[in-house]
Amino acid sequence: TKSRSDLSNDQLNILDQYKQGLALFRNKNWDAAMAAFERALVIDGSDGPSKTYINRCLHFKKNPVPAIWDGVFEMKTK
């Protein structure tokens, strides 16, 4: 397992933006979460997890989650 000291500056920046986006996502702050994930994509446009969460944010903006929500995204299709 890699430690933070094994990662490049770009990887650390992506990780920090992703963690920030994930916290915002869990708090249902879709726009701010997408902005954080998009900042990660500026560093590395192929960052799959950030792309996935941007799509989930867009989904939840159109399909609101219940008041009591555990942060889980349930796939309806493959």
Protein backbone atom coordinates (compact mmCIF):
# COMPACT_ATOMS: atom_id res chain seq x y z
CA THR A 1 0.00 0.00 0.00
CA LYS A 2 1.27 3.44 -0.94
CA SER A 3 1.55 6.19 1.65
CA ARG A 4 0.98 9.88 0.94
CA SER A 5 4.76 10.33 0.73
CA ASP A 6 4.85 7.88 -2.22
CA LEU A 7 2.45 9.98 -4.30
CA SER A 8 3.33 12.78 -6.73
CA ASN A 9 2.11 16.33 -6.11
CA ASP A 10 -0.53 15.88 -8.80
CA GLN A 11 -1.75 12.64 -7.22
CA LEU A 12 -1.92 14.32 -3.82
CA ASN A 13 -3.90 17.23 -5.27
CA ILE A 14 -6.32 14.86 -7.00
CA LEU A 15 -6.76 12.91 -3.77
CA ASP A 16 -7.42 16.08 -1.78
CA GLN A 17 -10.00 17.35 -4.31
CA TYR A 18 -11.65 13.93 -4.44
CA LYS A 19 -11.91 13.72 -0.63
CA GLN A 20 -13.39 17.21 -0.52
CA GLY A 21 -15.87 16.32 -3.26
CA LEU A 22 -16.84 13.11 -1.50
CA ALA A 23 -17.56 14.95 1.77
CA LEU A 24 -19.68 17.50 -0.09
CA PHE A 25 -21.48 14.69 -1.95
CA ARG A 26 -22.37 12.98 1.33
CA ASN A 27 -23.79 16.31 2.54
CA LYS A 28 -25.94 16.57 -0.63
CA ASN A 29 -24.07 19.68 -1.76
CA TRP A 30 -24.14 18.61 -5.42
CA ASP A 31 -22.79 21.78 -7.08
CA ALA A 32 -19.85 22.19 -4.71
CA ALA A 33 -19.08 18.47 -4.94
CA MET A 34 -19.06 18.62 -8.74
CA ALA A 35 -16.72 21.61 -8.60
CA ALA A 36 -14.26 19.66 -6.45
CA PHE A 37 -14.41 16.62 -8.74
CA GLU A 38 -13.95 18.90 -11.76
CA ARG A 39 -10.81 20.39 -10.15
CA ALA A 40 -9.46 16.83 -9.88
CA LEU A 41 -10.22 16.31 -13.57
CA VAL A 42 -8.29 19.45 -14.50
CA ILE A 43 -5.22 17.76 -13.02
CA ASP A 44 -5.97 14.37 -14.59
CA GLY A 45 -8.78 14.20 -17.12
CA SER A 46 -8.86 10.40 -16.88
CA ASP A 47 -9.71 10.26 -13.16
CA GLY A 48 -12.56 7.76 -13.29
CA PRO A 49 -13.83 8.14 -9.72
CA SER A 50 -14.28 11.90 -10.16
CA LYS A 51 -16.16 11.35 -13.42
CA THR A 52 -18.40 8.80 -11.70
CA TYR A 53 -19.27 11.16 -8.86
CA ILE A 54 -19.98 14.05 -11.20
CA ASN A 55 -22.53 11.82 -12.94
CA ARG A 56 -24.02 10.83 -9.59
CA CYS A 57 -24.32 14.50 -8.58
CA LEU A 58 -26.12 15.25 -11.84
CA HIS A 59 -28.44 12.30 -11.20
CA PHE A 60 -29.28 13.46 -7.68
CA LYS A 61 -29.88 17.04 -8.80
CA LYS A 62 -32.65 15.67 -11.03
CA ASN A 63 -33.77 12.90 -8.65
CA PRO A 64 -33.60 14.18 -5.07
CA VAL A 65 -32.56 11.79 -2.33
CA PRO A 66 -34.78 11.13 0.67
CA ALA A 67 -34.39 13.30 3.77
CA ILE A 68 -32.69 10.41 5.56
CA TRP A 69 -29.99 9.18 3.19
CA ASP A 70 -26.90 7.06 3.85
CA GLY A 71 -24.88 8.32 0.87
CA VAL A 72 -25.36 5.15 -1.15
CA PHE A 73 -25.94 5.32 -4.89
CA GLU A 74 -28.06 2.46 -6.15
CA MET A 75 -27.43 1.50 -9.78
CA LYS A 76 -30.63 0.84 -11.67
CA THR A 77 -28.95 -0.22 -14.96
CA LYS A 78 -25.60 -1.55 -16.09
